[in-house]
Amino acid sequence: MGVNPIAGTGVFLLGGVAAALYLLPFRAVKGWSYERGWLLSVIAGWLVFPLVFDWFVVPDVFAVIRSDGWATLARTVGFGALWGVGALAWALMVRYLGVGLGLAIGAGLCAAAGTLLPPIVTGNAASLVATRGACVVLGGVLLSLVGIALVGAAGKFKEGEMDEAAKKKAVAEYDFRKGVVTAVIAGVASAGINFGLQGAPAWEKVALDQGTSPLWAGMPVLTATLWGGVLTQVLWVTYKTFSTRGATQNPKAQASSLVPNLALCVLSGVMGVSQFVLQKLGEPLMGEMRYISFAVLMASAIFFSTGVGLFLGEWRQTGSRTRFCLAFGIGILLLAFIVISLGGRPD
């Protein structure tokens, strides 16, 4: 398998499509509590699907995961648990802001956090300005924050321009204030997925030694990272179930919509995880440029989610000022990710 950056970028773009679309099936689930549907989606997509996939592409995934000691496993699962917190907020963010506005803010913050937090957490904050390339990356991150502010301003303008009926038609539970709070939590915590995916290179080497294709050598890392996310979701759903005591259930609707709800939840879970499967799949095709994988994934998620939001009518009845602000903000975000990628280029 040779290096092919064009093909690799195409794979990341497909991941962006999955990121933009995966919550749409879940929105169509009827008659179930939010917690029940979400947990089924998580179990199907984050737990079962990766293990089944591993069975076909990795000779012994559990041997790979055990190969570098418990510290690596704990770190990988821990970052996955952080991402799990972000995923909970991510779903709520889309619930309150819609696909277009929600993912633009959340993905932008996620990319910024994924760049800034690792050196700060490890005590290497000085590395953010240590070289010319590092300064370029930092400039790209600051530029992304400008883009996020513009997109947020567009959302605020939208809130003042659309009447309540139009807001509810486009996004049933639209609430800008709650949406922004959950978007901040979602964006920062969701960066944990990239920390986890890049945190066990020794596992990928062991997978290669077993005879795994270079395209799939990152699957054990993804599988263990997702375990942390599953743990977070199970704890949260258990708490919510006992605290509400099933008050949101509708028994008649449950019986009539069992099969379609199951299918929709499974589809949503598998599509959600596919974005990260595609990220790990595309990285070997990038060669020395694999570092741009997360930035391209987030940029493409913003681009496609904006299109989905427009298609769903989330920006209908908004004025030219709002649409210009949205388009300008999206453009700034995409430019920021290009700058981050160029700045992170190896010397």
Protein backbone atom coordinates (compact mmCIF):
# COMPACT_ATOMS: atom_id res chain seq x y z
CA MET A 1 0.00 0.00 0.00
CA GLY A 2 1.49 3.33 -1.08
CA VAL A 3 1.07 6.84 0.22
CA ASN A 4 -1.77 8.64 -1.54
CA PRO A 5 -2.71 11.94 0.16
CA ILE A 6 -5.53 12.63 -2.29
CA ALA A 7 -7.18 9.30 -1.51
CA GLY A 8 -6.55 9.83 2.20
CA THR A 9 -8.19 13.25 2.14
CA GLY A 10 -11.14 11.70 0.32
CA VAL A 11 -11.50 9.15 3.11
CA PHE A 12 -11.49 11.94 5.71
CA LEU A 13 -14.18 13.75 3.73
CA LEU A 14 -16.34 10.63 3.88
CA GLY A 15 -15.79 10.71 7.65
CA GLY A 16 -17.05 14.28 7.64
CA VAL A 17 -20.21 13.16 5.85
CA ALA A 18 -20.77 10.50 8.53
CA ALA A 19 -20.21 13.09 11.27
CA ALA A 20 -22.73 15.44 9.68
CA LEU A 21 -25.43 12.81 9.18
CA TYR A 22 -25.21 10.32 12.03
CA LEU A 23 -27.66 12.04 14.39
CA LEU A 24 -30.39 12.32 11.76
CA PRO A 25 -31.62 8.71 12.16
CA PHE A 26 -31.69 9.13 15.93
CA ARG A 27 -33.89 12.21 15.61
CA ALA A 28 -36.53 10.01 13.95
CA VAL A 29 -36.85 7.63 16.93
CA LYS A 30 -40.43 7.86 18.25
CA GLY A 31 -42.08 6.81 21.51
CA TRP A 32 -38.88 5.94 23.38
CA SER A 33 -37.19 7.91 26.09
CA TYR A 34 -34.08 9.72 24.90
CA GLU A 35 -31.97 7.61 27.26
CA ARG A 36 -33.20 4.24 25.98
CA GLY A 37 -32.61 5.10 22.33
CA TRP A 38 -29.22 6.65 22.99
CA LEU A 39 -27.95 3.68 25.00
CA LEU A 40 -28.96 1.24 22.27
CA SER A 41 -27.20 3.42 19.71
CA VAL A 42 -24.05 3.46 21.84
CA ILE A 43 -23.99 -0.30 22.46
CA ALA A 44 -24.55 -1.10 18.79
CA GLY A 45 -22.17 1.47 17.35
CA TRP A 46 -19.46 1.93 19.95
CA LEU A 47 -19.18 -1.55 21.46
CA VAL A 48 -20.51 -4.26 19.15
CA PHE A 49 -19.64 -2.83 15.73
CA PRO A 50 -15.90 -2.23 16.41
CA LEU A 51 -15.46 -5.71 17.91
CA VAL A 52 -17.17 -7.36 14.94
CA PHE A 53 -15.08 -5.26 12.57
CA ASP A 54 -11.89 -6.17 14.45
CA TRP A 55 -12.71 -9.87 14.12
CA PHE A 56 -12.36 -9.56 10.35
CA VAL A 57 -9.29 -7.31 10.12
CA VAL A 58 -7.10 -7.90 13.23
CA PRO A 59 -5.82 -11.43 14.05
CA ASP A 60 -5.95 -10.93 17.87
CA VAL A 61 -7.21 -7.51 18.95
CA PHE A 62 -7.10 -8.32 22.68
CA ALA A 63 -3.45 -9.36 22.46
CA VAL A 64 -2.70 -6.02 20.82
CA ILE A 65 -4.50 -4.08 23.56
CA ARG A 66 -2.63 -5.99 26.30
CA SER A 67 0.75 -5.60 24.64
CA ASP A 68 1.89 -2.24 26.07
CA GLY A 69 0.82 -2.53 29.69
CA TRP A 70 -2.08 -1.24 31.75
CA ALA A 71 -0.93 2.37 31.73
CA THR A 72 -1.49 2.71 27.99
CA LEU A 73 -4.87 0.99 28.24
CA ALA A 74 -5.97 3.22 31.14
CA ARG A 75 -4.88 6.35 29.33
CA THR A 76 -6.64 5.34 26.13
CA VAL A 77 -9.88 4.39 27.90
CA GLY A 78 -9.67 7.55 30.02
CA PHE A 79 -9.50 9.79 26.97
CA GLY A 80 -12.43 7.82 25.58
CA ALA A 81 -14.40 8.52 28.75
CA LEU A 82 -13.69 12.24 28.33
CA TRP A 83 -14.95 12.00 24.77
CA GLY A 84 -18.04 10.20 26.09
CA VAL A 85 -18.90 13.26 28.16
CA GLY A 86 -18.52 15.34 25.02
CA ALA A 87 -20.73 12.96 23.04
CA LEU A 88 -23.54 13.37 25.57
CA ALA A 89 -23.30 17.14 25.25
CA TRP A 90 -22.94 16.82 21.46
CA ALA A 91 -26.32 15.16 21.12
CA LEU A 92 -27.91 17.83 23.32
CA MET A 93 -26.12 20.55 21.37
CA VAL A 94 -27.74 19.38 18.12
CA ARG A 95 -31.03 19.01 19.96
CA TYR A 96 -30.95 22.70 20.98
CA LEU A 97 -29.17 24.32 18.02
CA GLY A 98 -29.82 22.02 15.07
CA VAL A 99 -27.29 20.25 12.85
CA GLY A 100 -25.85 23.23 10.97
CA LEU A 101 -25.23 25.69 13.81
CA GLY A 102 -24.52 23.04 16.44
CA LEU A 103 -21.84 21.14 14.55
CA ALA A 104 -20.16 24.31 13.31
CA ILE A 105 -19.63 25.56 16.87
CA GLY A 106 -18.95 22.14 18.41
CA ALA A 107 -16.52 20.92 15.75
CA GLY A 108 -14.68 24.24 15.72
CA LEU A 109 -14.17 24.15 19.48
CA CYS A 110 -13.22 20.48 19.30
CA ALA A 111 -10.45 21.15 16.78
CA ALA A 112 -9.16 24.10 18.83
CA ALA A 113 -9.16 22.08 22.05
CA GLY A 114 -7.51 19.14 20.32
CA THR A 115 -4.61 21.39 19.37
CA LEU A 116 -4.19 23.45 22.55
CA LEU A 117 -4.95 21.06 25.41
CA PRO A 118 -2.35 18.26 24.92
CA PRO A 119 0.73 20.45 25.47
CA ILE A 120 -0.96 22.36 28.30
CA VAL A 121 -2.03 19.20 30.14
CA THR A 122 1.43 17.64 29.80
CA GLY A 123 3.22 20.75 31.07
CA ASN A 124 4.64 21.68 27.66
CA ALA A 125 2.66 24.86 27.06
CA ALA A 126 5.83 26.63 25.92
CA SER A 127 5.91 24.34 22.90
CA LEU A 128 2.88 26.22 21.55
CA VAL A 129 5.20 29.10 20.63
CA ALA A 130 8.55 27.28 20.52
CA THR A 131 8.92 27.21 16.73
CA ARG A 132 7.64 29.06 13.71
CA GLY A 133 5.37 26.15 12.84
CA ALA A 134 3.96 26.08 16.37
CA CYS A 135 3.15 29.78 16.18
CA VAL A 136 1.38 29.22 12.86
CA VAL A 137 -0.71 26.45 14.47
CA LEU A 138 -1.54 28.72 17.40
CA GLY A 139 -2.54 31.45 14.97
CA GLY A 140 -4.81 28.96 13.20
CA VAL A 141 -6.45 28.04 16.49
CA LEU A 142 -7.08 31.70 17.33
CA LEU A 143 -8.48 32.17 13.82
CA SER A 144 -10.85 29.26 14.40
CA LEU A 145 -12.13 31.00 17.53
CA VAL A 146 -12.97 34.02 15.37
CA GLY A 147 -14.90 31.73 13.04
CA ILE A 148 -16.75 30.20 15.97
CA ALA A 149 -17.67 33.67 17.24
CA LEU A 150 -19.06 34.58 13.80
CA VAL A 151 -21.11 31.40 13.57
CA GLY A 152 -22.39 31.99 17.09
CA ALA A 153 -23.33 35.55 16.14
CA ALA A 154 -25.26 34.18 13.16
CA GLY A 155 -27.13 31.90 15.56
CA LYS A 156 -27.95 34.84 17.79
CA PHE A 157 -29.19 36.86 14.80
CA LYS A 158 -31.27 33.88 13.74
CA GLU A 159 -32.90 33.75 17.16
CA GLY A 160 -34.10 37.33 16.76
CA GLU A 161 -35.29 36.97 13.15
CA MET A 162 -37.28 33.73 13.21
CA ASP A 163 -40.62 33.50 14.96
CA GLU A 164 -41.15 30.75 17.52
CA ALA A 165 -43.18 28.59 15.14
CA ALA A 166 -40.42 28.67 12.52
CA LYS A 167 -37.74 27.88 15.12
CA LYS A 168 -39.67 24.88 16.43
CA LYS A 169 -40.38 23.63 12.92
CA ALA A 170 -36.69 23.66 12.02
CA VAL A 171 -35.38 22.55 15.45
CA ALA A 172 -38.11 21.27 17.76
CA GLU A 173 -36.29 22.16 21.01
CA TYR A 174 -34.37 25.22 19.81
CA ASP A 175 -32.73 27.06 22.71
CA PHE A 176 -29.71 29.21 21.85
CA ARG A 177 -28.48 29.68 25.43
CA LYS A 178 -28.62 25.99 26.34
CA GLY A 179 -27.17 25.14 22.95
CA VAL A 180 -24.10 27.33 23.40
CA VAL A 181 -23.40 25.91 26.88
CA THR A 182 -23.65 22.33 25.64
CA ALA A 183 -21.59 23.22 22.54
CA VAL A 184 -18.71 24.47 24.70
CA ILE A 185 -18.79 21.28 26.80
CA ALA A 186 -19.14 19.13 23.69
CA GLY A 187 -16.32 20.80 21.80
CA VAL A 188 -13.75 20.71 24.61
CA ALA A 189 -14.54 17.22 25.95
CA SER A 190 -14.92 15.66 22.51
CA ALA A 191 -11.29 16.45 21.75
CA GLY A 192 -10.53 13.46 23.99
CA ILE A 193 -11.26 11.14 21.07
CA ASN A 194 -8.24 12.43 19.16
CA PHE A 195 -6.01 12.18 22.24
CA GLY A 196 -7.03 8.56 22.56
CA LEU A 197 -6.64 7.72 18.88
CA GLN A 198 -3.10 9.13 18.78
CA GLY A 199 -2.04 7.80 22.19
CA ALA A 200 -1.07 4.17 21.52
CA PRO A 201 1.34 3.94 18.55
CA ALA A 202 2.88 0.80 20.09
CA TRP A 203 -0.44 -1.02 19.61
CA GLU A 204 -0.46 -0.17 15.92
CA LYS A 205 3.04 -1.64 15.56
CA VAL A 206 1.97 -4.85 17.30
CA ALA A 207 -1.07 -5.09 15.04
CA LEU A 208 1.20 -4.75 12.01
CA ASP A 209 3.49 -7.46 13.40
CA GLN A 210 0.46 -9.76 13.64
CA GLY A 211 -0.11 -9.30 9.93
CA THR A 212 -2.84 -6.66 10.08
CA SER A 213 -3.08 -4.45 7.00
CA PRO A 214 -1.63 -0.97 7.58
CA LEU A 215 -5.07 0.39 6.72
CA TRP A 216 -6.60 -1.28 9.79
CA ALA A 217 -3.72 -1.18 12.27
CA GLY A 218 -5.39 1.66 14.18
CA MET A 219 -8.59 -0.27 14.86
CA PRO A 220 -7.48 -1.69 18.26
CA VAL A 221 -6.73 1.86 19.42
CA LEU A 222 -10.18 3.02 18.33
CA THR A 223 -11.86 0.03 19.97
CA ALA A 224 -10.30 0.67 23.39
CA THR A 225 -10.93 4.42 23.17
CA LEU A 226 -14.60 3.73 22.52
CA TRP A 227 -14.78 1.54 25.66
CA GLY A 228 -14.25 4.67 27.73
CA GLY A 229 -17.09 6.37 25.90
CA VAL A 230 -19.39 3.39 26.47
CA LEU A 231 -18.63 3.48 30.20
CA THR A 232 -19.59 7.16 30.41
CA GLN A 233 -22.84 6.59 28.52
CA VAL A 234 -23.89 3.58 30.63
CA LEU A 235 -23.33 5.51 33.87
CA TRP A 236 -25.28 8.51 32.58
CA VAL A 237 -28.21 6.49 31.21
CA THR A 238 -28.42 4.46 34.43
CA TYR A 239 -28.57 7.66 36.47
CA LYS A 240 -31.20 9.22 34.19
CA THR A 241 -33.32 6.07 34.14
CA PHE A 242 -33.49 5.85 37.93
CA SER A 243 -33.96 9.59 38.39
CA THR A 244 -36.89 9.82 35.95
CA ARG A 245 -38.29 6.32 36.62
CA GLY A 246 -39.36 5.95 33.04
CA ALA A 247 -41.62 8.99 33.09
CA THR A 248 -40.87 9.74 29.45
CA GLN A 249 -41.92 6.31 28.19
CA ASN A 250 -44.95 5.80 25.95
CA PRO A 251 -45.87 2.06 26.07
CA LYS A 252 -48.23 2.09 23.07
CA ALA A 253 -45.73 3.95 20.91
CA GLN A 254 -42.94 1.62 22.08
CA ALA A 255 -44.77 -1.47 20.85
CA SER A 256 -45.72 -0.04 17.46
CA SER A 257 -42.31 1.42 16.67
CA LEU A 258 -40.02 -1.27 18.09
CA VAL A 259 -38.47 -2.47 14.82
CA PRO A 260 -37.97 0.93 13.16
CA ASN A 261 -36.59 2.40 16.39
CA LEU A 262 -34.10 -0.46 16.71
CA ALA A 263 -32.97 0.02 13.12
CA LEU A 264 -32.65 3.79 13.49
CA CYS A 265 -30.64 3.55 16.72
CA VAL A 266 -28.25 0.95 15.30
CA LEU A 267 -27.80 2.98 12.11
CA SER A 268 -27.08 6.14 14.08
CA GLY A 269 -24.51 4.40 16.28
CA VAL A 270 -22.67 2.76 13.38
CA MET A 271 -22.61 5.98 11.36
CA GLY A 272 -21.28 7.91 14.35
CA VAL A 273 -18.35 5.56 14.85
CA SER A 274 -17.67 5.35 11.10
CA GLN A 275 -16.23 8.87 11.13
CA PHE A 276 -13.38 7.68 13.38
CA VAL A 277 -12.96 4.39 11.54
CA LEU A 278 -12.48 6.44 8.39
CA GLN A 279 -10.05 8.76 10.19
CA LYS A 280 -7.82 5.82 11.17
CA LEU A 281 -8.26 4.28 7.70
CA GLY A 282 -7.10 7.46 5.96
CA GLU A 283 -4.07 8.16 8.15
CA PRO A 284 -1.71 5.57 6.55
CA LEU A 285 -2.53 6.98 3.11
CA MET A 286 -1.25 10.40 4.22
CA GLY A 287 2.30 9.30 5.05
CA GLU A 288 4.06 12.08 6.96
CA MET A 289 0.93 14.22 6.66
CA ARG A 290 -1.22 11.97 8.86
CA TYR A 291 -1.22 14.69 11.54
CA ILE A 292 -3.89 16.62 9.57
CA SER A 293 -6.47 13.81 9.90
CA PHE A 294 -8.49 15.29 12.75
CA ALA A 295 -8.42 18.82 11.35
CA VAL A 296 -9.69 17.65 7.95
CA LEU A 297 -12.35 15.48 9.60
CA MET A 298 -13.66 18.39 11.68
CA ALA A 299 -13.51 20.82 8.76
CA SER A 300 -15.46 18.48 6.50
CA ALA A 301 -17.98 17.83 9.31
CA ILE A 302 -18.60 21.58 9.54
CA PHE A 303 -18.92 21.94 5.77
CA PHE A 304 -21.36 19.07 5.30
CA SER A 305 -23.36 19.80 8.46
CA THR A 306 -23.93 23.34 7.24
CA GLY A 307 -25.36 21.92 4.03
CA VAL A 308 -27.56 19.54 6.00
CA GLY A 309 -28.78 22.40 8.18
CA LEU A 310 -29.71 24.44 5.11
CA PHE A 311 -31.50 21.45 3.58
CA LEU A 312 -33.51 20.91 6.77
CA GLY A 313 -34.62 24.52 6.76
CA GLU A 314 -32.76 25.49 9.93
CA TRP A 315 -31.84 28.88 8.42
CA ARG A 316 -35.14 29.55 6.66
CA GLN A 317 -36.62 33.01 7.27
CA THR A 318 -33.23 34.45 8.19
CA GLY A 319 -32.00 37.67 6.64
CA SER A 320 -29.00 38.44 4.47
CA ARG A 321 -26.96 39.67 7.46
CA THR A 322 -27.41 36.35 9.26
CA ARG A 323 -26.58 34.24 6.21
CA PHE A 324 -23.54 36.35 5.40
CA CYS A 325 -22.32 36.02 8.99
CA LEU A 326 -22.82 32.25 8.85
CA ALA A 327 -21.04 31.88 5.49
CA PHE A 328 -18.17 34.14 6.58
CA GLY A 329 -17.79 32.23 9.85
CA ILE A 330 -17.74 28.86 8.09
CA GLY A 331 -15.17 30.19 5.63
CA ILE A 332 -12.96 31.44 8.47
CA LEU A 333 -13.20 28.04 10.19
CA LEU A 334 -12.18 26.19 7.04
CA LEU A 335 -9.29 28.61 6.52
CA ALA A 336 -8.22 28.14 10.14
CA PHE A 337 -8.02 24.37 9.70
CA ILE A 338 -5.86 24.82 6.59
CA VAL A 339 -3.54 27.10 8.58
CA ILE A 340 -3.37 24.57 11.44
CA SER A 341 -2.50 21.81 8.98
CA LEU A 342 0.24 23.87 7.29
CA GLY A 343 1.69 24.94 10.62
CA GLY A 344 1.84 21.36 11.87
CA ARG A 345 3.65 20.13 8.78
CA PRO A 346 6.86 18.23 9.65
CA ASP A 347 10.14 20.02 8.93
